[in-house]
Amino acid sequence: MEKYQLLVVDDNVALLNALVRLLRSPDYIIHRASSASQGWEILAKQHGEIDLVISDNQMPGERGVDFLKSVKHHYPDTLRIMVTGNSSVRDVEICVNECEVYRFFTKPWDPDTLRETVREGLRFKSIADAEYGRKPSIRATDPVRSLEKHYPGITQVDRDSQGYVVLSSRFPTRVPIK
């Protein structure tokens, strides 16, 4: 099975690095962002393949609650966790009711609880994705992705100037593709 992709967003670089170290696992690819705007760049670059987003709330620019609310809207199958040092009751209410966060943590967090919550959330997501035919089960068995992973470039198609597929430069045969 492919690795889970996590995105960790916190403007405090020391805490961002601590979260990344805490979650380091051979089962995860962890992306880090020090702002919501960097988080959006990573989400766009990964084409919706991020399985879990962990975000701080109090960040310059876009706040974590607004970021996670938009993540829910654009990537509804991505799990969301809020980790924050200070929040109002209203922020917690928004996280639960509008962002539909999987869990809400206050800083300082308990490392074992946070690590286990991420594992548990990803297990839950895998079951839900398999049940509804969404990505991890599909991603893990996608034959084209698997071929490209093991044989880079195999899915690339060379065409000549008229649009014909070039099967080999050694055998310049033209095959019309309709």
Protein backbone atom coordinates (compact mmCIF):
# COMPACT_ATOMS: atom_id res chain seq x y z
CA MET A 1 0.00 0.00 0.00
CA GLU A 2 1.18 3.52 -0.71
CA LYS A 3 2.23 5.82 2.07
CA TYR A 4 -0.22 8.23 3.65
CA GLN A 5 0.42 11.89 2.92
CA LEU A 6 0.18 14.34 5.80
CA LEU A 7 0.32 18.13 5.73
CA VAL A 8 1.37 19.94 8.91
CA VAL A 9 0.78 23.71 9.03
CA ASP A 10 2.13 25.95 11.82
CA ASP A 11 3.75 29.39 11.67
CA ASN A 12 5.96 28.52 14.66
CA VAL A 13 8.81 26.68 12.94
CA ALA A 14 10.01 25.03 16.16
CA LEU A 15 6.56 23.55 16.79
CA LEU A 16 6.20 22.64 13.12
CA ASN A 17 9.48 20.70 13.26
CA ALA A 18 8.46 19.08 16.57
CA LEU A 19 5.19 17.85 15.02
CA VAL A 20 7.02 16.49 11.99
CA ARG A 21 9.54 14.66 14.22
CA LEU A 22 6.73 13.28 16.38
CA LEU A 23 4.84 11.91 13.40
CA ARG A 24 7.84 10.60 11.47
CA SER A 25 7.01 7.09 10.26
CA PRO A 26 7.88 4.89 7.29
CA ASP A 27 4.13 4.85 6.56
CA TYR A 28 3.89 8.63 6.05
CA ILE A 29 5.08 11.28 3.66
CA ILE A 30 4.95 14.49 5.67
CA HIS A 31 4.68 17.88 3.99
CA ARG A 32 5.24 21.00 6.07
CA ALA A 33 4.01 24.55 5.65
CA SER A 34 4.59 27.60 7.83
CA SER A 35 1.43 29.37 6.65
CA ALA A 36 -1.98 28.58 5.22
CA SER A 37 -0.89 29.96 1.84
CA GLN A 38 2.04 27.51 1.74
CA GLY A 39 -0.43 24.80 2.76
CA TRP A 40 -2.63 25.66 -0.24
CA GLU A 41 0.40 25.43 -2.55
CA ILE A 42 1.19 21.94 -1.26
CA LEU A 43 -2.44 20.81 -1.48
CA ALA A 44 -2.61 22.02 -5.09
CA LYS A 45 0.72 20.42 -6.00
CA GLN A 46 -0.40 17.09 -4.50
CA HIS A 47 -3.69 17.13 -6.47
CA GLY A 48 -5.89 16.21 -3.51
CA GLU A 49 -3.72 13.28 -2.45
CA ILE A 50 -3.19 14.64 1.09
CA ASP A 51 -4.87 12.25 3.54
CA LEU A 52 -4.63 14.35 6.71
CA VAL A 53 -4.06 18.03 7.50
CA ILE A 54 -2.92 19.16 10.95
CA SER A 55 -3.13 22.92 11.41
CA ASP A 56 -2.43 25.51 14.07
CA ASN A 57 -5.15 28.13 14.51
CA GLN A 58 -3.38 31.40 15.33
CA MET A 59 -1.34 32.13 12.20
CA PRO A 60 -0.70 35.37 10.34
CA GLY A 61 -2.86 35.75 7.25
CA GLU A 62 -5.44 32.99 7.12
CA ARG A 63 -6.38 31.55 10.51
CA GLY A 64 -6.41 27.78 10.99
CA VAL A 65 -10.20 27.57 11.39
CA ASP A 66 -10.69 29.35 8.06
CA PHE A 67 -8.01 27.23 6.40
CA LEU A 68 -9.56 23.96 7.65
CA LYS A 69 -13.05 25.10 6.68
CA SER A 70 -11.80 25.68 3.11
CA VAL A 71 -9.91 22.37 3.13
CA LYS A 72 -13.19 20.65 4.06
CA HIS A 73 -14.93 22.41 1.17
CA HIS A 74 -12.27 21.68 -1.48
CA TYR A 75 -11.01 18.31 -0.17
CA PRO A 76 -13.88 16.79 1.83
CA ASP A 77 -12.21 13.36 2.11
CA THR A 78 -9.10 14.81 3.77
CA LEU A 79 -9.06 14.38 7.54
CA ARG A 80 -8.53 17.56 9.56
CA ILE A 81 -6.95 18.01 13.00
CA MET A 82 -6.61 21.32 14.83
CA VAL A 83 -3.68 21.87 17.20
CA THR A 84 -3.67 25.26 18.90
CA GLY A 85 -2.19 27.08 21.86
CA ASN A 86 -5.09 29.40 22.47
CA SER A 87 -8.59 29.40 21.14
CA SER A 88 -11.97 30.78 21.97
CA VAL A 89 -15.10 28.74 22.51
CA ARG A 90 -16.28 30.15 19.16
CA ASP A 91 -13.17 28.77 17.41
CA VAL A 92 -13.78 25.32 18.91
CA GLU A 93 -17.42 25.54 17.82
CA ILE A 94 -16.38 26.42 14.25
CA CYS A 95 -13.82 23.59 14.20
CA VAL A 96 -16.37 21.02 15.26
CA ASN A 97 -19.48 22.25 13.43
CA GLU A 98 -18.11 23.84 10.26
CA CYS A 99 -14.63 22.38 9.72
CA GLU A 100 -15.73 18.95 10.96
CA VAL A 101 -12.28 18.32 12.43
CA TYR A 102 -11.48 14.75 13.34
CA ARG A 103 -9.86 15.87 16.60
CA PHE A 104 -8.99 19.10 18.42
CA PHE A 105 -5.77 19.37 20.48
CA THR A 106 -4.47 22.14 22.69
CA LYS A 107 -0.78 22.90 23.07
CA PRO A 108 1.13 21.43 24.69
CA TRP A 109 -0.18 18.17 23.30
CA ASP A 110 0.45 14.68 24.64
CA PRO A 111 2.80 13.10 22.06
CA ASP A 112 1.50 9.54 22.43
CA THR A 113 -2.13 10.64 22.20
CA LEU A 114 -1.50 12.79 19.12
CA ARG A 115 0.52 10.04 17.40
CA GLU A 116 -2.17 7.42 18.16
CA THR A 117 -4.94 9.79 17.04
CA VAL A 118 -3.24 10.24 13.66
CA ARG A 119 -2.83 6.45 13.27
CA GLU A 120 -6.43 5.84 14.32
CA GLY A 121 -7.74 8.56 11.99
CA LEU A 122 -5.85 7.18 9.01
CA ARG A 123 -7.11 3.67 9.77
CA PHE A 124 -10.65 5.04 9.92
CA LYS A 125 -10.08 6.93 6.65
CA SER A 126 -8.79 3.77 4.92
CA ILE A 127 -11.90 1.84 5.93
CA ALA A 128 -14.19 4.67 4.80
CA ASP A 129 -12.29 5.10 1.52
CA ALA A 130 -12.48 1.38 0.78
CA GLU A 131 -16.19 1.33 1.67
CA TYR A 132 -16.97 4.24 -0.65
CA GLY A 133 -14.47 3.32 -3.36
CA ARG A 134 -12.22 6.31 -2.77
CA LYS A 135 -8.53 6.74 -3.18
CA PRO A 136 -6.29 4.72 -0.82
CA SER A 137 -7.77 1.40 -1.90
CA ILE A 138 -7.93 2.60 -5.51
CA ARG A 139 -4.56 4.35 -5.32
CA ALA A 140 -2.90 1.24 -3.95
CA THR A 141 -4.15 -0.94 -6.81
CA ASP A 142 -4.03 1.54 -9.71
CA PRO A 143 -2.10 -0.41 -12.37
CA VAL A 144 -0.98 2.66 -14.34
CA ARG A 145 0.40 4.37 -11.21
CA SER A 146 2.10 1.12 -10.18
CA LEU A 147 3.70 0.69 -13.63
CA GLU A 148 4.93 4.29 -13.66
CA LYS A 149 6.36 3.86 -10.17
CA HIS A 150 8.32 0.73 -11.10
CA TYR A 151 9.16 1.73 -14.69
CA PRO A 152 9.46 5.54 -14.84
CA GLY A 153 8.43 6.91 -18.23
CA ILE A 154 6.56 3.80 -19.35
CA THR A 155 3.28 5.69 -19.60
CA GLN A 156 4.78 8.46 -21.73
CA VAL A 157 3.75 8.46 -25.39
CA ASP A 158 5.95 9.83 -28.18
CA ARG A 159 4.12 11.32 -31.18
CA ASP A 160 5.38 12.62 -34.49
CA SER A 161 4.43 16.01 -35.96
CA GLN A 162 1.18 14.61 -37.41
CA GLY A 163 0.03 13.13 -34.09
CA TYR A 164 0.88 9.51 -34.86
CA VAL A 165 2.25 7.40 -32.02
CA VAL A 166 5.93 6.58 -32.55
CA LEU A 167 6.39 3.01 -31.31
CA SER A 168 10.16 3.06 -31.52
CA SER A 169 12.80 5.21 -33.13
CA ARG A 170 14.30 1.94 -34.40
CA PHE A 171 11.07 0.97 -36.14
CA PRO A 172 9.43 4.21 -37.34
CA THR A 173 5.96 2.70 -37.76
CA ARG A 174 2.94 4.99 -37.61
CA VAL A 175 -0.19 3.86 -35.85
CA PRO A 176 -3.21 6.17 -36.00
CA ILE A 177 -4.88 6.56 -32.60
CA LYS A 178 -8.53 7.49 -32.68
